[in-house]
């Protein structure tokens, strides 16, 4: 890995976002806002950092990815297809009966390490995987993405305590801090106060970044995986819900709404302008 430039990763991220929009448009169902805000982390993990083999998706020494905020699975499905875990045409089957690409991650889909969707539980599963690596003397790392609204769940903090207790410096948690959840802003629903400070208080090394900036994301990931100090890692990303599509950005209504044909065409056209020269 690590053979792609920042510009190449940025363009890959644009491809991923276009696939997300296309999937949700064709399904007329899904969660575009959070899928777009987590896209840079997803891209950096799968195309820069993670040691995986799409031809052997359950290789015991692979790095693991746990999408704790499972409703934004279109971003992970797009990454898996682009990586070669399954044919790209499968993306057109999102949320259809019998598809491997259900509304939340499940083990029918190659590359999914554990089913998720009930908020708060995924991070606990990631912690368990990281503990297993330590106990078994394996070198794989575990990456997990959680939502800011999801951090209302007490299980998140129980998992964090456990990660610190067992010195899980093989665990990297991305907090997608876009300050919007289903019913409004996080401040309105349940004020998170200073989430970054909370993760620090629970014993994490915290890297606070612009979570939609690929260069910052790669720098934080590289530092997180290289720092072996016995502490779990948190990449705290300030993000924009719906990032990359103007009419979706910072709009709560795009949490779980599919675009119509006109909106779909506009979204793809806007994303097409975001490629950079390599």
Protein backbone atom coordinates (compact mmCIF):
# COMPACT_ATOMS: atom_id res chain seq x y z
CA UNK A 1 0.00 0.00 0.00
CA UNK A 2 0.94 3.67 0.30
CA UNK A 3 1.78 3.86 -3.42
CA UNK A 4 -0.90 6.44 -4.25
CA UNK A 5 -0.26 10.17 -4.09
CA UNK A 6 -2.56 12.55 -2.23
CA UNK A 7 -3.96 13.69 -5.59
CA UNK A 8 -4.66 10.08 -6.63
CA UNK A 9 -6.35 9.41 -3.30
CA UNK A 10 -8.43 12.56 -3.71
CA UNK A 11 -9.59 11.43 -7.14
CA UNK A 12 -10.34 7.97 -5.79
CA UNK A 13 -12.44 9.64 -3.11
CA UNK A 14 -14.40 11.52 -5.78
CA UNK A 15 -15.03 8.21 -7.55
CA UNK A 16 -16.21 6.73 -4.27
CA UNK A 17 -18.60 9.63 -3.66
CA UNK A 18 -20.03 9.34 -7.17
CA UNK A 19 -20.63 5.63 -6.58
CA UNK A 20 -22.37 6.43 -3.29
CA UNK A 21 -24.72 8.91 -4.98
CA UNK A 22 -25.44 6.51 -7.85
CA UNK A 23 -26.17 3.60 -5.53
CA UNK A 24 -28.58 5.57 -3.38
CA UNK A 25 -30.29 7.17 -6.39
CA UNK A 26 -30.87 3.79 -8.05
CA UNK A 27 -32.10 2.27 -4.79
CA UNK A 28 -34.17 5.36 -3.95
CA UNK A 29 -33.16 4.62 -0.38
CA UNK A 30 -30.13 5.14 1.81
CA UNK A 31 -28.08 7.65 3.76
CA UNK A 32 -26.08 10.00 1.53
CA UNK A 33 -25.12 12.71 4.05
CA UNK A 34 -23.01 10.63 6.40
CA UNK A 35 -21.70 8.44 3.59
CA UNK A 36 -20.16 11.53 2.00
CA UNK A 37 -18.74 12.95 5.23
CA UNK A 38 -16.89 9.72 6.01
CA UNK A 39 -15.61 9.22 2.44
CA UNK A 40 -12.09 10.57 2.98
CA UNK A 41 -11.50 8.25 5.93
CA UNK A 42 -12.88 5.29 3.99
CA UNK A 43 -10.68 6.08 1.01
CA UNK A 44 -7.53 6.59 3.07
CA UNK A 45 -8.08 3.32 4.93
CA UNK A 46 -8.75 1.09 1.94
CA UNK A 47 -6.47 2.70 -0.63
CA UNK A 48 -3.59 3.93 1.53
CA UNK A 49 -3.34 2.18 4.88
CA UNK A 50 -5.05 -1.17 5.29
CA UNK A 51 -3.31 -4.47 4.61
CA UNK A 52 -6.04 -6.53 2.94
CA UNK A 53 -6.44 -9.05 0.10
CA UNK A 54 -9.71 -8.77 -1.86
CA UNK A 55 -9.10 -12.24 -3.28
CA UNK A 56 -8.90 -13.66 0.25
CA UNK A 57 -11.32 -11.46 2.22
CA UNK A 58 -11.14 -13.49 5.43
CA UNK A 59 -7.37 -13.90 5.53
CA UNK A 60 -6.61 -14.21 9.28
CA UNK A 61 -3.89 -11.54 9.30
CA UNK A 62 -5.85 -8.90 7.38
CA UNK A 63 -6.52 -5.49 8.86
CA UNK A 64 -10.14 -5.13 10.00
CA UNK A 65 -12.63 -2.33 9.36
CA UNK A 66 -15.71 -1.94 11.56
CA UNK A 67 -18.28 0.61 10.40
CA UNK A 68 -19.91 1.33 13.73
CA UNK A 69 -22.19 3.92 12.10
CA UNK A 70 -23.49 1.17 9.86
CA UNK A 71 -26.15 3.21 8.06
CA UNK A 72 -23.43 4.87 5.96
CA UNK A 73 -22.48 1.51 4.44
CA UNK A 74 -22.78 2.83 0.84
CA UNK A 75 -19.35 4.40 1.41
CA UNK A 76 -17.87 1.08 2.52
CA UNK A 77 -19.62 -0.88 -0.24
CA UNK A 78 -18.21 1.52 -2.83
CA UNK A 79 -14.71 1.13 -1.39
CA UNK A 80 -14.97 -2.66 -1.38
CA UNK A 81 -16.18 -2.82 -4.98
CA UNK A 82 -13.52 -0.36 -6.16
CA UNK A 83 -10.91 -2.44 -4.33
CA UNK A 84 -12.05 -5.60 -6.12
CA UNK A 85 -13.92 -7.56 -3.47
CA UNK A 86 -16.88 -7.99 -5.82
CA UNK A 87 -17.95 -6.72 -9.27
CA UNK A 88 -18.82 -3.04 -9.55
CA UNK A 89 -22.21 -3.94 -11.05
CA UNK A 90 -23.26 -5.25 -7.62
CA UNK A 91 -23.46 -1.64 -6.42
CA UNK A 92 -26.66 -1.30 -8.46
CA UNK A 93 -28.34 -3.85 -6.17
CA UNK A 94 -28.12 -1.78 -2.96
CA UNK A 95 -31.00 -2.56 -0.59
CA UNK A 96 -32.68 -4.96 -3.03
CA UNK A 97 -34.06 -8.28 -1.82
CA UNK A 98 -31.39 -10.97 -2.00
CA UNK A 99 -28.55 -8.48 -2.55
CA UNK A 100 -25.26 -8.82 -0.70
CA UNK A 101 -25.52 -5.05 -0.14
CA UNK A 102 -28.19 -4.57 2.48
CA UNK A 103 -29.12 -1.34 4.25
CA UNK A 104 -26.58 -2.07 6.97
CA UNK A 105 -23.39 -4.15 6.70
CA UNK A 106 -23.77 -7.91 6.93
CA UNK A 107 -21.47 -10.88 6.43
CA UNK A 108 -23.00 -11.84 3.08
CA UNK A 109 -20.85 -9.08 1.61
CA UNK A 110 -17.17 -10.00 1.09
CA UNK A 111 -14.94 -7.69 3.09
CA UNK A 112 -17.43 -6.98 5.87
CA UNK A 113 -15.83 -8.09 9.12
CA UNK A 114 -18.93 -7.93 11.31
CA UNK A 115 -22.59 -6.87 10.94
CA UNK A 116 -23.30 -3.39 12.32
CA UNK A 117 -26.12 -0.90 12.49
CA UNK A 118 -27.31 -0.77 16.09
CA UNK A 119 -25.44 2.36 17.09
CA UNK A 120 -22.84 2.05 19.81
CA UNK A 121 -22.13 -1.64 19.30
CA UNK A 122 -19.64 -1.54 16.44
CA UNK A 123 -16.84 0.09 18.40
CA UNK A 124 -17.18 -2.54 21.12
CA UNK A 125 -16.78 -5.21 18.43
CA UNK A 126 -13.70 -3.42 17.06
CA UNK A 127 -12.20 -3.38 20.54
CA UNK A 128 -12.78 -7.13 20.82
CA UNK A 129 -11.00 -7.71 17.52
CA UNK A 130 -8.06 -5.58 18.64
CA UNK A 131 -7.83 -7.51 21.92
CA UNK A 132 -7.84 -10.78 19.98
CA UNK A 133 -4.90 -9.59 17.89
CA UNK A 134 -2.93 -8.82 21.05
CA UNK A 135 -3.80 -12.15 22.68
CA UNK A 136 -2.96 -14.17 19.56
CA UNK A 137 0.25 -12.32 18.77
CA UNK A 138 -1.07 -11.10 15.41
CA UNK A 139 -0.01 -7.84 13.81
CA UNK A 140 -3.27 -6.77 12.18
CA UNK A 141 -4.79 -3.38 12.97
CA UNK A 142 -8.45 -2.51 13.52
CA UNK A 143 -10.02 0.62 12.07
CA UNK A 144 -13.48 1.84 13.05
CA UNK A 145 -15.71 4.78 12.13
CA UNK A 146 -18.22 6.14 14.65
CA UNK A 147 -20.67 9.00 14.40
CA UNK A 148 -20.84 12.04 16.64
CA UNK A 149 -24.49 11.33 17.43
CA UNK A 150 -23.55 7.72 18.06
CA UNK A 151 -21.28 8.91 20.85
CA UNK A 152 -24.47 9.52 22.87
CA UNK A 153 -24.47 5.76 23.44
CA UNK A 154 -22.96 4.61 26.72
CA UNK A 155 -21.50 1.52 25.09
CA UNK A 156 -19.10 3.75 23.14
CA UNK A 157 -17.50 4.86 26.39
CA UNK A 158 -17.43 1.37 27.89
CA UNK A 159 -15.56 0.29 24.76
CA UNK A 160 -13.16 3.21 25.14
CA UNK A 161 -12.41 2.27 28.75
CA UNK A 162 -11.69 -1.28 27.65
CA UNK A 163 -9.43 -0.09 24.80
CA UNK A 164 -7.35 1.91 27.25
CA UNK A 165 -7.27 -0.90 29.83
CA UNK A 166 -5.84 -3.37 27.31
CA UNK A 167 -3.43 -0.87 25.70
CA UNK A 168 -4.89 -1.24 22.24
CA UNK A 169 -2.48 0.82 20.17
CA UNK A 170 -3.57 -1.39 17.25
CA UNK A 171 -6.99 0.33 17.25
CA UNK A 172 -7.74 3.50 15.24
CA UNK A 173 -11.15 5.11 15.74
CA UNK A 174 -12.40 7.82 13.39
CA UNK A 175 -15.02 10.15 14.87
CA UNK A 176 -17.13 11.65 12.06
CA UNK A 177 -17.94 14.97 13.69
CA UNK A 178 -20.34 16.64 11.24
CA UNK A 179 -22.61 17.93 14.07
CA UNK A 180 -25.80 16.59 12.46
CA UNK A 181 -27.83 13.54 13.29
CA UNK A 182 -31.28 12.27 12.38
CA UNK A 183 -33.39 14.94 14.11
CA UNK A 184 -31.14 17.99 14.18
CA UNK A 185 -27.74 19.18 15.29
CA UNK A 186 -25.88 17.24 17.92
CA UNK A 187 -25.91 20.34 20.11
CA UNK A 188 -29.73 20.40 19.97
CA UNK A 189 -30.32 16.67 20.46
CA UNK A 190 -27.69 15.93 23.13
CA UNK A 191 -24.80 18.39 23.48
CA UNK A 192 -21.53 16.45 23.05
CA UNK A 193 -19.51 19.23 24.75
CA UNK A 194 -15.88 18.54 23.69
CA UNK A 195 -15.78 15.05 22.19
CA UNK A 196 -12.07 15.26 21.47
CA UNK A 197 -11.38 16.02 25.12
CA UNK A 198 -13.56 13.08 26.13
CA UNK A 199 -11.50 10.65 24.04
CA UNK A 200 -8.33 12.10 25.56
CA UNK A 201 -9.80 11.66 29.03
CA UNK A 202 -10.49 8.00 28.19
CA UNK A 203 -6.81 7.48 27.41
CA UNK A 204 -6.71 7.87 23.64
CA UNK A 205 -4.09 9.63 21.56
CA UNK A 206 -6.27 12.14 19.68
CA UNK A 207 -5.46 13.65 16.29
CA UNK A 208 -7.88 16.49 15.55
CA UNK A 209 -8.11 17.27 11.84
CA UNK A 210 -10.26 18.49 8.98
CA UNK A 211 -11.81 15.11 8.23
CA UNK A 212 -12.60 16.04 4.64
CA UNK A 213 -9.01 17.01 3.79
CA UNK A 214 -7.16 14.06 2.29
CA UNK A 215 -3.68 15.32 3.12
CA UNK A 216 -4.59 15.83 6.78
CA UNK A 217 -6.31 12.43 6.87
CA UNK A 218 -3.30 10.57 5.51
CA UNK A 219 -0.90 12.38 7.84
CA UNK A 220 -3.06 11.52 10.85
CA UNK A 221 -3.45 7.89 9.82
CA UNK A 222 0.27 7.47 9.25
CA UNK A 223 1.05 8.96 12.66
CA UNK A 224 -1.64 6.93 14.42
CA UNK A 225 -0.46 3.56 13.15
CA UNK A 226 3.21 4.40 13.68
CA UNK A 227 2.80 5.46 17.33
CA UNK A 228 3.17 2.38 19.51
CA UNK A 229 2.75 3.85 22.99
CA UNK A 230 0.15 1.50 24.41
CA UNK A 231 -2.71 3.94 23.79
CA UNK A 232 -5.67 3.50 21.42
CA UNK A 233 -5.92 6.14 18.69
CA UNK A 234 -8.71 8.57 17.81
CA UNK A 235 -8.74 10.59 14.60
CA UNK A 236 -11.24 13.30 15.41
CA UNK A 237 -12.48 14.60 12.09
CA UNK A 238 -14.35 17.86 11.70
CA UNK A 239 -16.47 17.02 8.67
CA UNK A 240 -19.38 18.33 6.62
CA UNK A 241 -22.42 16.15 6.22
CA UNK A 242 -23.05 15.72 2.50
CA UNK A 243 -19.54 16.97 1.66
CA UNK A 244 -19.04 17.52 -2.05
CA UNK A 245 -22.67 18.04 -3.06
CA UNK A 246 -23.68 21.65 -2.48
CA UNK A 247 -27.37 21.17 -1.76
CA UNK A 248 -26.66 18.32 0.68
CA UNK A 249 -23.95 20.03 2.72
CA UNK A 250 -24.94 20.73 6.34
CA UNK A 251 -28.58 19.89 5.62
CA UNK A 252 -30.12 17.53 8.17
CA UNK A 253 -32.75 16.34 5.71
CA UNK A 254 -30.11 14.50 3.68
CA UNK A 255 -29.40 12.15 6.57
CA UNK A 256 -31.53 9.43 5.00
CA UNK A 257 -33.08 10.76 1.77
CA UNK A 258 -32.37 9.67 -1.81
CA UNK A 259 -31.97 12.27 -4.58
CA UNK A 260 -34.44 12.53 -7.45
CA UNK A 261 -33.20 12.46 -11.07
CA UNK A 262 -32.49 16.17 -11.28
CA UNK A 263 -30.69 16.17 -7.94
CA UNK A 264 -28.72 13.06 -8.94
CA UNK A 265 -27.50 14.69 -12.15
CA UNK A 266 -26.52 17.85 -10.29
CA UNK A 267 -24.61 15.87 -7.66
CA UNK A 268 -22.62 13.93 -10.26
CA UNK A 269 -21.89 17.11 -12.21
CA UNK A 270 -20.60 18.86 -9.08
CA UNK A 271 -18.44 15.91 -8.10
CA UNK A 272 -17.01 15.77 -11.62
CA UNK A 273 -15.50 19.22 -11.04
CA UNK A 274 -13.59 18.01 -7.96
CA UNK A 275 -10.98 15.86 -9.68
CA UNK A 276 -7.44 17.20 -9.37
CA UNK A 277 -4.38 16.87 -11.62
CA UNK A 278 -2.04 14.04 -10.69
